[in-house]
PDB file of all heavy atoms in Angstrom:
ATOM      1  N   LYS A   1      52.007-191.836 -22.744  1.00  0.00           N
ATOM      2  CA  LYS A   1      50.883-192.759 -22.521  1.00  0.00           C
ATOM      3  C   LYS A   1      50.149-193.057 -23.826  1.00  0.00           C
ATOM      4  O   LYS A   1      49.814-194.216 -24.116  1.00  0.00           O
ATOM      5  CB  LYS A   1      49.904-192.153 -21.517  1.00  0.00           C
ATOM      6  CG  LYS A   1      50.422-192.098 -20.089  1.00  0.00           C
ATOM      7  CD  LYS A   1      49.404-191.421 -19.181  1.00  0.00           C
ATOM      8  CE  LYS A   1      49.846-191.411 -17.732  1.00  0.00           C
ATOM      9  NZ  LYS A   1      48.856-190.763 -16.853  1.00  0.00           N
ATOM     10  N   LEU A   2      49.900-192.028 -24.619  1.00  0.00           N
ATOM     11  CA  LEU A   2      49.185-192.233 -25.884  1.00  0.00           C
ATOM     12  C   LEU A   2      49.994-193.121 -26.830  1.00  0.00           C
ATOM     13  O   LEU A   2      49.427-193.968 -27.542  1.00  0.00           O
ATOM     14  CB  LEU A   2      48.882-190.889 -26.547  1.00  0.00           C
ATOM     15  CG  LEU A   2      47.827-190.032 -25.843  1.00  0.00           C
ATOM     16  CD1 LEU A   2      47.694-188.673 -26.535  1.00  0.00           C
ATOM     17  CD2 LEU A   2      46.472-190.738 -25.826  1.00  0.00           C
ATOM     18  N   LYS A   3      51.303-192.935 -26.856  1.00  0.00           N
ATOM     19  CA  LYS A   3      52.141-193.774 -27.707  1.00  0.00           C
ATOM     20  C   LYS A   3      52.069-195.222 -27.255  1.00  0.00           C
ATOM     21  O   LYS A   3      51.990-196.150 -28.079  1.00  0.00           O
ATOM     22  CB  LYS A   3      53.589-193.275 -27.685  1.00  0.00           C
ATOM     23  CG  LYS A   3      54.494-194.007 -28.662  1.00  0.00           C
ATOM     24  CD  LYS A   3      55.865-193.348 -28.751  1.00  0.00           C
ATOM     25  CE  LYS A   3      56.737-194.045 -29.790  1.00  0.00           C
ATOM     26  NZ  LYS A   3      58.061-193.381 -29.937  1.00  0.00           N
ATOM     27  N   TYR A   4      52.068-195.413 -25.936  1.00  0.00           N
ATOM     28  CA  TYR A   4      51.959-196.771 -25.405  1.00  0.00           C
ATOM     29  C   TYR A   4      50.618-197.393 -25.800  1.00  0.00           C
ATOM     30  O   TYR A   4      50.565-198.532 -26.273  1.00  0.00           O
ATOM     31  CB  TYR A   4      52.098-196.750 -23.880  1.00  0.00           C
ATOM     32  CG  TYR A   4      51.797-198.086 -23.253  1.00  0.00           C
ATOM     33  CD1 TYR A   4      52.754-199.093 -23.206  1.00  0.00           C
ATOM     34  CD2 TYR A   4      50.533-198.360 -22.727  1.00  0.00           C
ATOM     35  CE1 TYR A   4      52.469-200.335 -22.655  1.00  0.00           C
ATOM     36  CE2 TYR A   4      50.233-199.598 -22.175  1.00  0.00           C
ATOM     37  CZ  TYR A   4      51.202-200.571 -22.143  1.00  0.00           C
ATOM     38  OH  TYR A   4      50.908-201.805 -21.610  1.00  0.00           O
ATOM     39  N   ILE A   5      49.524-196.653 -25.627  1.00  0.00           N
ATOM     40  CA  ILE A   5      48.186-197.166 -25.955  1.00  0.00           C
ATOM     41  C   ILE A   5      48.100-197.558 -27.422  1.00  0.00           C
ATOM     42  O   ILE A   5      47.571-198.618 -27.773  1.00  0.00           O
ATOM     43  CB  ILE A   5      47.106-196.094 -25.648  1.00  0.00           C
ATOM     44  CG1 ILE A   5      47.048-195.809 -24.154  1.00  0.00           C
ATOM     45  CG2 ILE A   5      45.734-196.555 -26.144  1.00  0.00           C
ATOM     46  CD1 ILE A   5      46.206-194.586 -23.803  1.00  0.00           C
ATOM     47  N   ASP A   6      48.622-196.707 -28.287  1.00  0.00           N
ATOM     48  CA  ASP A   6      48.457-196.899 -29.734  1.00  0.00           C
ATOM     49  C   ASP A   6      49.408-197.958 -30.310  1.00  0.00           C
ATOM     50  O   ASP A   6      49.149-198.486 -31.392  1.00  0.00           O
ATOM     51  CB  ASP A   6      48.664-195.570 -30.470  1.00  0.00           C
ATOM     52  CG  ASP A   6      47.575-194.554 -30.132  1.00  0.00           C
ATOM     53  OD1 ASP A   6      46.479-194.975 -29.720  1.00  0.00           O
ATOM     54  OD2 ASP A   6      47.833-193.346 -30.254  1.00  0.00           O
ATOM     55  N   GLN A   7      50.498-198.262 -29.605  1.00  0.00           N
ATOM     56  CA  GLN A   7      51.484-199.183 -30.169  1.00  0.00           C
ATOM     57  C   GLN A   7      51.550-200.539 -29.463  1.00  0.00           C
ATOM     58  O   GLN A   7      52.218-201.444 -29.963  1.00  0.00           O
ATOM     59  CB  GLN A   7      52.872-198.539 -30.141  1.00  0.00           C
ATOM     60  CG  GLN A   7      53.002-197.340 -31.058  1.00  0.00           C
ATOM     61  CD  GLN A   7      54.418-196.810 -31.118  1.00  0.00           C
ATOM     62  OE1 GLN A   7      55.281-197.173 -30.320  1.00  0.00           O
ATOM     63  NE2 GLN A   7      54.674-195.920 -32.072  1.00  0.00           N
ATOM     64  N   VAL A   8      50.881-200.689 -28.331  1.00  0.00           N
ATOM     65  CA  VAL A   8      50.952-201.943 -27.597  1.00  0.00           C
ATOM     66  C   VAL A   8      50.374-203.075 -28.455  1.00  0.00           C
ATOM     67  O   VAL A   8      49.416-202.902 -29.197  1.00  0.00           O
ATOM     68  CB  VAL A   8      50.217-201.835 -26.242  1.00  0.00           C
ATOM     69  CG1 VAL A   8      48.721-201.760 -26.433  1.00  0.00           C
ATOM     70  CG2 VAL A   8      50.590-202.974 -25.329  1.00  0.00           C
ATOM     71  N   GLU A   9      50.989-204.254 -28.373  1.00  0.00           N
ATOM     72  CA  GLU A   9      50.647-205.351 -29.276  1.00  0.00           C
ATOM     73  C   GLU A   9      49.307-206.007 -28.955  1.00  0.00           C
ATOM     74  O   GLU A   9      48.497-206.284 -29.848  1.00  0.00           O
ATOM     75  CB  GLU A   9      51.759-206.411 -29.240  1.00  0.00           C
ATOM     76  CG  GLU A   9      53.082-205.913 -29.800  1.00  0.00           C
ATOM     77  CD  GLU A   9      54.163-206.962 -29.725  1.00  0.00           C
ATOM     78  OE1 GLU A   9      53.861-208.091 -29.278  1.00  0.00           O
ATOM     79  OE2 GLU A   9      55.310-206.662 -30.114  1.00  0.00           O
ATOM     80  N   LYS A  10      49.032-206.279 -27.686  1.00  0.00           N
ATOM     81  CA  LYS A  10      47.810-206.988 -27.311  1.00  0.00           C
ATOM     82  C   LYS A  10      46.773-206.018 -26.737  1.00  0.00           C
ATOM     83  O   LYS A  10      47.124-205.095 -26.014  1.00  0.00           O
ATOM     84  CB  LYS A  10      48.114-208.089 -26.286  1.00  0.00           C
ATOM     85  CG  LYS A  10      48.997-209.202 -26.830  1.00  0.00           C
ATOM     86  CD  LYS A  10      49.214-210.269 -25.763  1.00  0.00           C
ATOM     87  CE  LYS A  10      50.085-211.404 -26.280  1.00  0.00           C
ATOM     88  NZ  LYS A  10      50.319-212.448 -25.252  1.00  0.00           N
ATOM     89  N   ASN A  11      45.505-206.252 -27.040  1.00  0.00           N
ATOM     90  CA  ASN A  11      44.443-205.377 -26.584  1.00  0.00           C
ATOM     91  C   ASN A  11      44.440-205.221 -25.065  1.00  0.00           C
ATOM     92  O   ASN A  11      44.276-204.114 -24.543  1.00  0.00           O
ATOM     93  CB  ASN A  11      43.087-205.918 -27.054  1.00  0.00           C
ATOM     94  CG  ASN A  11      41.928-205.109 -26.499  1.00  0.00           C
ATOM     95  OD1 ASN A  11      41.935-203.891 -26.572  1.00  0.00           O
ATOM     96  ND2 ASN A  11      40.939-205.777 -25.926  1.00  0.00           N
ATOM     97  N   THR A  12      44.620-206.319 -24.344  1.00  0.00           N
ATOM     98  CA  THR A  12      44.566-206.255 -22.883  1.00  0.00           C
ATOM     99  C   THR A  12      45.596-205.285 -22.323  1.00  0.00           C
ATOM    100  O   THR A  12      45.336-204.576 -21.350  1.00  0.00           O
ATOM    101  CB  THR A  12      44.811-207.653 -22.276  1.00  0.00           C
ATOM    102  OG1 THR A  12      43.832-208.559 -22.782  1.00  0.00           O
ATOM    103  CG2 THR A  12      44.712-207.610 -20.754  1.00  0.00           C
ATOM    104  N   TRP A  13      46.778-205.211 -22.954  1.00  0.00           N
ATOM    105  CA  TRP A  13      47.843-204.347 -22.436  1.00  0.00           C
ATOM    106  C   TRP A  13      47.543-202.862 -22.650  1.00  0.00           C
ATOM    107  O   TRP A  13      48.236-202.011 -22.102  1.00  0.00           O
ATOM    108  CB  TRP A  13      49.173-204.718 -23.076  1.00  0.00           C
ATOM    109  CG  TRP A  13      49.558-206.144 -22.834  1.00  0.00           C
ATOM    110  CD1 TRP A  13      49.608-207.153 -23.754  1.00  0.00           C
ATOM    111  CD2 TRP A  13      49.897-206.750 -21.585  1.00  0.00           C
ATOM    112  NE1 TRP A  13      49.970-208.334 -23.173  1.00  0.00           N
ATOM    113  CE2 TRP A  13      50.156-208.115 -21.831  1.00  0.00           C
ATOM    114  CE3 TRP A  13      50.020-206.263 -20.279  1.00  0.00           C
ATOM    115  CZ2 TRP A  13      50.519-209.007 -20.817  1.00  0.00           C
ATOM    116  CZ3 TRP A  13      50.387-207.154 -19.277  1.00  0.00           C
ATOM    117  CH2 TRP A  13      50.627-208.504 -19.547  1.00  0.00           C
ATOM    118  N   ALA A  14      46.518-202.556 -23.434  1.00  0.00           N
ATOM    119  CA  ALA A  14      46.098-201.153 -23.599  1.00  0.00           C
ATOM    120  C   ALA A  14      45.108-200.729 -22.521  1.00  0.00           C
ATOM    121  O   ALA A  14      44.674-199.578 -22.487  1.00  0.00           O
ATOM    122  CB  ALA A  14      45.495-200.941 -24.981  1.00  0.00           C
ATOM    123  N   HIS A  15      44.747-201.652 -21.640  1.00  0.00           N
ATOM    124  CA  HIS A  15      43.841-201.338 -20.535  1.00  0.00           C
ATOM    125  C   HIS A  15      44.466-200.241 -19.666  1.00  0.00           C
ATOM    126  O   HIS A  15      45.688-200.222 -19.449  1.00  0.00           O
ATOM    127  CB  HIS A  15      43.601-202.601 -19.705  1.00  0.00           C
ATOM    128  CG  HIS A  15      42.516-202.471 -18.679  1.00  0.00           C
ATOM    129  ND1 HIS A  15      42.640-201.694 -17.543  1.00  0.00           N
ATOM    130  CD2 HIS A  15      41.262-203.014 -18.629  1.00  0.00           C
ATOM    131  CE1 HIS A  15      41.531-201.768 -16.842  1.00  0.00           C
ATOM    132  NE2 HIS A  15      40.675-202.567 -17.469  1.00  0.00           N
ATOM    133  N   PRO A  16      43.669-199.299 -19.157  1.00  0.00           N
ATOM    134  CA  PRO A  16      44.207-198.206 -18.333  1.00  0.00           C
ATOM    135  C   PRO A  16      45.002-198.658 -17.115  1.00  0.00           C
ATOM    136  O   PRO A  16      45.791-197.880 -16.572  1.00  0.00           O
ATOM    137  CB  PRO A  16      42.959-197.437 -17.910  1.00  0.00           C
ATOM    138  CG  PRO A  16      41.977-197.696 -19.001  1.00  0.00           C
ATOM    139  CD  PRO A  16      42.225-199.112 -19.429  1.00  0.00           C
ATOM    140  N   ALA A  17      44.808-199.894 -16.686  1.00  0.00           N
ATOM    141  CA  ALA A  17      45.593-200.404 -15.552  1.00  0.00           C
ATOM    142  C   ALA A  17      47.086-200.288 -15.816  1.00  0.00           C
ATOM    143  O   ALA A  17      47.875-200.105 -14.881  1.00  0.00           O
ATOM    144  CB  ALA A  17      45.220-201.859 -15.282  1.00  0.00           C
ATOM    145  N   PHE A  18      47.479-200.377 -17.079  1.00  0.00           N
ATOM    146  CA  PHE A  18      48.900-200.415 -17.434  1.00  0.00           C
ATOM    147  C   PHE A  18      49.489-199.039 -17.724  1.00  0.00           C
ATOM    148  O   PHE A  18      50.708-198.861 -17.594  1.00  0.00           O
ATOM    149  CB  PHE A  18      49.104-201.353 -18.631  1.00  0.00           C
ATOM    150  CG  PHE A  18      48.699-202.766 -18.345  1.00  0.00           C
ATOM    151  CD1 PHE A  18      47.438-203.226 -18.687  1.00  0.00           C
ATOM    152  CD2 PHE A  18      49.560-203.630 -17.700  1.00  0.00           C
ATOM    153  CE1 PHE A  18      47.048-204.542 -18.407  1.00  0.00           C
ATOM    154  CE2 PHE A  18      49.182-204.943 -17.415  1.00  0.00           C
ATOM    155  CZ  PHE A  18      47.925-205.393 -17.761  1.00  0.00           C
ATOM    156  N   TRP A  19      48.659-198.062 -18.127  1.00  0.00           N
ATOM    157  CA  TRP A  19      49.226-196.757 -18.489  1.00  0.00           C
ATOM    158  C   TRP A  19      48.749-195.593 -17.628  1.00  0.00           C
ATOM    159  O   TRP A  19      49.406-194.545 -17.601  1.00  0.00           O
ATOM    160  CB  TRP A  19      48.929-196.435 -19.955  1.00  0.00           C
ATOM    161  CG  TRP A  19      47.471-196.452 -20.350  1.00  0.00           C
ATOM    162  CD1 TRP A  19      46.784-197.476 -20.929  1.00  0.00           C
ATOM    163  CD2 TRP A  19      46.514-195.391 -20.200  1.00  0.00           C
ATOM    164  NE1 TRP A  19      45.475-197.128 -21.153  1.00  0.00           N
ATOM    165  CE2 TRP A  19      45.275-195.844 -20.716  1.00  0.00           C
ATOM    166  CE3 TRP A  19      46.577-194.095 -19.700  1.00  0.00           C
ATOM    167  CZ2 TRP A  19      44.119-195.062 -20.724  1.00  0.00           C
ATOM    168  CZ3 TRP A  19      45.433-193.309 -19.700  1.00  0.00           C
ATOM    169  CH2 TRP A  19      44.220-193.792 -20.206  1.00  0.00           C
ATOM    170  N   SER A  20      47.638-195.753 -16.911  1.00  0.00           N
ATOM    171  CA  SER A  20      47.107-194.590 -16.184  1.00  0.00           C
ATOM    172  C   SER A  20      47.523-194.454 -14.722  1.00  0.00           C
ATOM    173  O   SER A  20      47.174-193.444 -14.103  1.00  0.00           O
ATOM    174  CB  SER A  20      45.574-194.574 -16.268  1.00  0.00           C
ATOM    175  OG  SER A  20      45.007-195.622 -15.491  1.00  0.00           O
ATOM    176  N   PRO A  21      48.260-195.403 -14.104  1.00  0.00           N
ATOM    177  CA  PRO A  21      48.628-195.182 -12.708  1.00  0.00           C
ATOM    178  C   PRO A  21      49.532-193.987 -12.491  1.00  0.00           C
ATOM    179  O   PRO A  21      49.511-193.360 -11.428  1.00  0.00           O
ATOM    180  CB  PRO A  21      49.331-196.488 -12.298  1.00  0.00           C
ATOM    181  CG  PRO A  21      49.760-197.120 -13.569  1.00  0.00           C
ATOM    182  CD  PRO A  21      48.708-196.732 -14.565  1.00  0.00           C
ATOM    183  N   PHE A  22      50.341-193.622 -13.503  1.00  0.00           N
ATOM    184  CA  PHE A  22      51.261-192.505 -13.332  1.00  0.00           C
ATOM    185  C   PHE A  22      50.572-191.165 -13.600  1.00  0.00           C
ATOM    186  O   PHE A  22      49.909-190.995 -14.622  1.00  0.00           O
ATOM    187  CB  PHE A  22      52.474-192.659 -14.244  1.00  0.00           C
ATOM    188  CG  PHE A  22      53.412-193.728 -13.782  1.00  0.00           C
ATOM    189  CD1 PHE A  22      53.461-194.948 -14.424  1.00  0.00           C
ATOM    190  CD2 PHE A  22      54.223-193.523 -12.670  1.00  0.00           C
ATOM    191  CE1 PHE A  22      54.313-195.941 -13.986  1.00  0.00           C
ATOM    192  CE2 PHE A  22      55.081-194.515 -12.227  1.00  0.00           C
ATOM    193  CZ  PHE A  22      55.121-195.727 -12.871  1.00  0.00           C
ATOM    194  N   ILE A  23      50.719-190.240 -12.661  1.00  0.00           N
ATOM    195  CA  ILE A  23      50.149-188.902 -12.806  1.00  0.00           C
ATOM    196  C   ILE A  23      51.231-187.864 -12.522  1.00  0.00           C
ATOM    197  O   ILE A  23      52.225-188.155 -11.845  1.00  0.00           O
ATOM    198  CB  ILE A  23      48.951-188.676 -11.858  1.00  0.00           C
ATOM    199  CG1 ILE A  23      49.381-188.801 -10.384  1.00  0.00           C
ATOM    200  CG2 ILE A  23      47.825-189.663 -12.187  1.00  0.00           C
ATOM    201  CD1 ILE A  23      48.294-188.410  -9.405  1.00  0.00           C
ATOM    202  N   GLN A  24      51.033-186.665 -13.067  1.00  0.00           N
ATOM    203  CA  GLN A  24      51.976-185.574 -12.839  1.00  0.00           C
ATOM    204  C   GLN A  24      51.375-184.589 -11.842  1.00  0.00           C
ATOM    205  O   GLN A  24      50.265-184.089 -12.046  1.00  0.00           O
ATOM    206  CB  GLN A  24      52.307-184.868 -14.149  1.00  0.00           C
ATOM    207  CG  GLN A  24      53.464-183.875 -14.044  1.00  0.00           C
ATOM    208  CD  GLN A  24      53.005-182.427 -13.921  1.00  0.00           C
ATOM    209  OE1 GLN A  24      52.163-181.979 -14.666  1.00  0.00           O
ATOM    210  NE2 GLN A  24      53.570-181.712 -12.961  1.00  0.00           N
ATOM    211  N   ILE A  25      52.096-184.322 -10.779  1.00  0.00           N
ATOM    212  CA  ILE A  25      51.638-183.423  -9.724  1.00  0.00           C
ATOM    213  C   ILE A  25      52.535-182.201  -9.674  1.00  0.00           C
ATOM    214  O   ILE A  25      53.762-182.310  -9.742  1.00  0.00           O
ATOM    215  CB  ILE A  25      51.668-184.123  -8.342  1.00  0.00           C
ATOM    216  CG1 ILE A  25      50.807-185.387  -8.341  1.00  0.00           C
ATOM    217  CG2 ILE A  25      51.199-183.186  -7.245  1.00  0.00           C
ATOM    218  CD1 ILE A  25      50.904-186.201  -7.059  1.00  0.00           C
ATOM    219  N   GLY A  26      51.923-181.017  -9.562  1.00  0.00           N
ATOM    220  CA  GLY A  26      52.704-179.801  -9.359  1.00  0.00           C
ATOM    221  C   GLY A  26      53.019-179.050 -10.639  1.00  0.00           C
ATOM    222  O   GLY A  26      52.326-179.177 -11.653  1.00  0.00           O
ATOM    223  N   ASN A  27      54.086-178.268 -10.589  1.00  0.00           N
ATOM    224  CA  ASN A  27      54.511-177.419 -11.697  1.00  0.00           C
ATOM    225  C   ASN A  27      54.758-178.249 -12.953  1.00  0.00           C
ATOM    226  O   ASN A  27      55.484-179.227 -12.921  1.00  0.00           O
ATOM    227  CB  ASN A  27      55.800-176.697 -11.263  1.00  0.00           C
ATOM    228  CG  ASN A  27      56.211-175.619 -12.218  1.00  0.00           C
ATOM    229  OD1 ASN A  27      56.247-175.836 -13.424  1.00  0.00           O
ATOM    230  ND2 ASN A  27      56.542-174.454 -11.693  1.00  0.00           N
ATOM    231  N   SER A  28      54.142-177.836 -14.061  1.00  0.00           N
ATOM    232  CA  SER A  28      54.275-178.621 -15.295  1.00  0.00           C
ATOM    233  C   SER A  28      55.168-177.953 -16.342  1.00  0.00           C
ATOM    234  O   SER A  28      55.193-178.353 -17.495  1.00  0.00           O
ATOM    235  CB  SER A  28      52.886-178.877 -15.908  1.00  0.00           C
ATOM    236  OG  SER A  28      52.248-177.659 -16.197  1.00  0.00           O
ATOM    237  N   LYS A  29      55.933-176.938 -15.947  1.00  0.00           N
ATOM    238  CA  LYS A  29      56.804-176.232 -16.895  1.00  0.00           C
ATOM    239  C   LYS A  29      57.802-177.172 -17.565  1.00  0.00           C
ATOM    240  O   LYS A  29      58.223-178.154 -16.988  1.00  0.00           O
ATOM    241  CB  LYS A  29      57.583-175.127 -16.169  1.00  0.00           C
ATOM    242  CG  LYS A  29      56.757-173.962 -15.678  1.00  0.00           C
ATOM    243  CD  LYS A  29      57.648-172.955 -14.980  1.00  0.00           C
ATOM    244  CE  LYS A  29      56.844-171.762 -14.447  1.00  0.00           C
ATOM    245  NZ  LYS A  29      57.728-170.815 -13.727  1.00  0.00           N
ATOM    246  N   PRO A  30      58.220-176.859 -18.790  1.00  0.00           N
ATOM    247  CA  PRO A  30      59.288-177.637 -19.443  1.00  0.00           C
ATOM    248  C   PRO A  30      60.578-177.522 -18.640  1.00  0.00           C
ATOM    249  O   PRO A  30      60.791-176.564 -17.892  1.00  0.00           O
ATOM    250  CB  PRO A  30      59.439-176.958 -20.814  1.00  0.00           C
ATOM    251  CG  PRO A  30      58.172-176.210 -21.023  1.00  0.00           C
ATOM    252  CD  PRO A  30      57.702-175.789 -19.664  1.00  0.00           C
ATOM    253  N   ILE A  31      61.449-178.495 -18.795  1.00  0.00           N
ATOM    254  CA  ILE A  31      62.734-178.484 -18.100  1.00  0.00           C
ATOM    255  C   ILE A  31      63.851-178.818 -19.089  1.00  0.00           C
ATOM    256  O   ILE A  31      63.605-179.358 -20.158  1.00  0.00           O
ATOM    257  CB  ILE A  31      62.774-179.493 -16.933  1.00  0.00           C
ATOM    258  CG1 ILE A  31      62.387-180.895 -17.423  1.00  0.00           C
ATOM    259  CG2 ILE A  31      61.865-179.054 -15.807  1.00  0.00           C
ATOM    260  CD1 ILE A  31      62.469-181.952 -16.349  1.00  0.00           C
ATOM    261  N   GLN A  32      65.068-178.474 -18.695  1.00  0.00           N
ATOM    262  CA  GLN A  32      66.225-178.750 -19.523  1.00  0.00           C
ATOM    263  C   GLN A  32      66.850-180.086 -19.112  1.00  0.00           C
ATOM    264  O   GLN A  32      67.059-180.333 -17.932  1.00  0.00           O
ATOM    265  CB  GLN A  32      67.275-177.639 -19.376  1.00  0.00           C
ATOM    266  CG  GLN A  32      66.816-176.281 -19.864  1.00  0.00           C
ATOM    267  CD  GLN A  32      66.579-176.262 -21.367  1.00  0.00           C
ATOM    268  OE1 GLN A  32      67.323-176.869 -22.131  1.00  0.00           O
ATOM    269  NE2 GLN A  32      65.536-175.562 -21.790  1.00  0.00           N
ATOM    270  N   ILE A  33      67.125-180.931 -20.086  1.00  0.00           N
ATOM    271  CA  ILE A  33      67.800-182.205 -19.824  1.00  0.00           C
ATOM    272  C   ILE A  33      68.991-182.317 -20.753  1.00  0.00           C
ATOM    273  O   ILE A  33      68.869-182.100 -21.960  1.00  0.00           O
ATOM    274  CB  ILE A  33      66.870-183.412 -20.069  1.00  0.00           C
ATOM    275  CG1 ILE A  33      65.586-183.270 -19.261  1.00  0.00           C
ATOM    276  CG2 ILE A  33      67.570-184.708 -19.675  1.00  0.00           C
ATOM    277  CD1 ILE A  33      64.635-184.437 -19.459  1.00  0.00           C
ATOM    278  N   GLN A  34      70.146-182.649 -20.194  1.00  0.00           N
ATOM    279  CA  GLN A  34      71.356-182.808 -21.009  1.00  0.00           C
ATOM    280  C   GLN A  34      71.371-184.183 -21.653  1.00  0.00           C
ATOM    281  O   GLN A  34      71.508-185.198 -20.970  1.00  0.00           O
ATOM    282  CB  GLN A  34      72.596-182.652 -20.133  1.00  0.00           C
ATOM    283  CG  GLN A  34      72.945-181.236 -19.771  1.00  0.00           C
ATOM    284  CD  GLN A  34      74.312-181.174 -19.088  1.00  0.00           C
ATOM    285  OE1 GLN A  34      75.101-182.120 -19.142  1.00  0.00           O
ATOM    286  NE2 GLN A  34      74.588-180.063 -18.435  1.00  0.00           N
ATOM    287  N   ARG A  35      71.245-184.225 -22.975  1.00  0.00           N
ATOM    288  CA  ARG A  35      71.381-185.480 -23.704  1.00  0.00           C
ATOM    289  C   ARG A  35      72.856-185.710 -24.035  1.00  0.00           C
ATOM    290  O   ARG A  35      73.601-184.763 -24.265  1.00  0.00           O
ATOM    291  CB  ARG A  35      70.588-185.447 -25.006  1.00  0.00           C
ATOM    292  CG  ARG A  35      69.075-185.428 -24.831  1.00  0.00           C
ATOM    293  CD  ARG A  35      68.395-185.663 -26.171  1.00  0.00           C
ATOM    294  NE  ARG A  35      68.555-187.053 -26.566  1.00  0.00           N
ATOM    295  CZ  ARG A  35      67.626-187.985 -26.377  1.00  0.00           C
ATOM    296  NH1 ARG A  35      66.483-187.684 -25.812  1.00  0.00           N
ATOM    297  NH2 ARG A  35      67.837-189.237 -26.765  1.00  0.00           N
ATOM    298  N   LYS A  36      73.219-186.963 -24.059  1.00  0.00           N
ATOM    299  CA  LYS A  36      74.566-187.292 -24.495  1.00  0.00           C
ATOM    300  C   LYS A  36      74.686-187.079 -25.991  1.00  0.00           C
ATOM    301  O   LYS A  36      73.713-187.263 -26.729  1.00  0.00           O
ATOM    302  CB  LYS A  36      74.901-188.743 -24.143  1.00  0.00           C
ATOM    303  CG  LYS A  36      75.109-188.965 -22.652  1.00  0.00           C
ATOM    304  CD  LYS A  36      75.494-190.396 -22.354  1.00  0.00           C
ATOM    305  CE  LYS A  36      75.770-190.575 -20.871  1.00  0.00           C
ATOM    306  NZ  LYS A  36      76.076-191.978 -20.534  1.00  0.00           N
ATOM    307  N   MET A  37      75.862-186.673 -26.443  1.00  0.00           N
ATOM    308  CA  MET A  37      76.069-186.449 -27.871  1.00  0.00           C
ATOM    309  C   MET A  37      75.950-187.770 -28.618  1.00  0.00           C
ATOM    310  O   MET A  37      76.551-188.780 -28.233  1.00  0.00           O
ATOM    311  CB  MET A  37      77.440-185.831 -28.121  1.00  0.00           C
ATOM    312  CG  MET A  37      77.684-185.466 -29.583  1.00  0.00           C
ATOM    313  SD  MET A  37      79.292-184.651 -29.809  1.00  0.00           S
ATOM    314  CE  MET A  37      79.019-183.098 -28.953  1.00  0.00           C
ATOM    315  N   ALA A  38      75.157-187.770 -29.655  1.00  0.00           N
ATOM    316  CA  ALA A  38      74.970-188.984 -30.447  1.00  0.00           C
ATOM    317  C   ALA A  38      76.040-189.060 -31.529  1.00  0.00           C
ATOM    318  O   ALA A  38      76.103-188.218 -32.409  1.00  0.00           O
ATOM    319  CB  ALA A  38      73.585-188.988 -31.091  1.00  0.00           C
ATOM    320  N   TYR A  39      76.854-190.076 -31.460  1.00  0.00           N
ATOM    321  CA  TYR A  39      77.919-190.255 -32.458  1.00  0.00           C
ATOM    322  C   TYR A  39      77.366-191.070 -33.623  1.00  0.00           C
ATOM    323  O   TYR A  39      77.600-192.271 -33.741  1.00  0.00           O
ATOM    324  CB  TYR A  39      79.132-190.932 -31.826  1.00  0.00           C
ATOM    325  CG  TYR A  39      79.820-190.054 -30.816  1.00  0.00           C
ATOM    326  CD1 TYR A  39      79.534-190.182 -29.454  1.00  0.00           C
ATOM    327  CD2 TYR A  39      80.724-189.081 -31.219  1.00  0.00           C
ATOM    328  CE1 TYR A  39      80.155-189.360 -28.527  1.00  0.00           C
ATOM    329  CE2 TYR A  39      81.352-188.251 -30.297  1.00  0.00           C
ATOM    330  CZ  TYR A  39      81.071-188.406 -28.951  1.00  0.00           C
ATOM    331  OH  TYR A  39      81.668-187.585 -28.034  1.00  0.00           O
ATOM    332  N   THR A  40      76.621-190.401 -34.468  1.00  0.00           N
ATOM    333  CA  THR A  40      76.012-191.078 -35.615  1.00  0.00           C
ATOM    334  C   THR A  40      77.047-191.328 -36.691  1.00  0.00           C
ATOM    335  O   THR A  40      78.117-190.713 -36.710  1.00  0.00           O
ATOM    336  CB  THR A  40      74.897-190.195 -36.207  1.00  0.00           C
ATOM    337  OG1 THR A  40      75.496-188.981 -36.674  1.00  0.00           O
ATOM    338  CG2 THR A  40      73.835-189.867 -35.161  1.00  0.00           C
ATOM    339  N   PRO A  41      76.790-192.253 -37.625  1.00  0.00           N
ATOM    340  CA  PRO A  41      77.733-192.487 -38.732  1.00  0.00           C
ATOM    341  C   PRO A  41      78.062-191.216 -39.493  1.00  0.00           C
ATOM    342  O   PRO A  41      79.196-191.009 -39.936  1.00  0.00           O
ATOM    343  CB  PRO A  41      76.976-193.495 -39.611  1.00  0.00           C
ATOM    344  CG  PRO A  41      76.097-194.220 -38.644  1.00  0.00           C
ATOM    345  CD  PRO A  41      75.678-193.189 -37.634  1.00  0.00           C
ATOM    346  N   TRP A  42      77.060-190.328 -39.644  1.00  0.00           N
ATOM    347  CA  TRP A  42      77.277-189.059 -40.347  1.00  0.00           C
ATOM    348  C   TRP A  42      78.315-188.209 -39.619  1.00  0.00           C
ATOM    349  O   TRP A  42      79.241-187.666 -40.208  1.00  0.00           O
ATOM    350  CB  TRP A  42      75.946-188.323 -40.436  1.00  0.00           C
ATOM    351  CG  TRP A  42      76.057-186.935 -41.001  1.00  0.00           C
ATOM    352  CD1 TRP A  42      76.128-186.573 -42.312  1.00  0.00           C
ATOM    353  CD2 TRP A  42      76.091-185.711 -40.247  1.00  0.00           C
ATOM    354  NE1 TRP A  42      76.213-185.199 -42.427  1.00  0.00           N
ATOM    355  CE2 TRP A  42      76.187-184.647 -41.182  1.00  0.00           C
ATOM    356  CE3 TRP A  42      76.052-185.407 -38.885  1.00  0.00           C
ATOM    357  CZ2 TRP A  42      76.241-183.328 -40.781  1.00  0.00           C
ATOM    358  CZ3 TRP A  42      76.109-184.088 -38.486  1.00  0.00           C
ATOM    359  CH2 TRP A  42      76.207-183.060 -39.441  1.00  0.00           C
ATOM    360  N   TYR A  43      78.159-188.153 -38.289  1.00  0.00           N
ATOM    361  CA  TYR A  43      79.078-187.343 -37.487  1.00  0.00           C
ATOM    362  C   TYR A  43      80.482-187.956 -37.513  1.00  0.00           C
ATOM    363  O   TYR A  43      81.480-187.262 -37.688  1.00  0.00           O
ATOM    364  CB  TYR A  43      78.555-187.278 -36.040  1.00  0.00           C
ATOM    365  CG  TYR A  43      79.441-186.497 -35.100  1.00  0.00           C
ATOM    366  CD1 TYR A  43      79.351-185.109 -35.014  1.00  0.00           C
ATOM    367  CD2 TYR A  43      80.374-187.145 -34.288  1.00  0.00           C
ATOM    368  CE1 TYR A  43      80.151-184.388 -34.147  1.00  0.00           C
ATOM    369  CE2 TYR A  43      81.187-186.437 -33.434  1.00  0.00           C
ATOM    370  CZ  TYR A  43      81.057-185.057 -33.357  1.00  0.00           C
ATOM    371  OH  TYR A  43      81.868-184.346 -32.501  1.00  0.00           O
TER     372      TYR A  43
END
């Protein structure tokens, strides 16, 4: 949300109507997510 607020192009789009409707409910522990292997030019 903070990244969205700070990087949005127009002032109106930083209004809380656009970023604050989403809330997190319940257990807030970190979780594991499997990312796909990035085949970078270096790799």
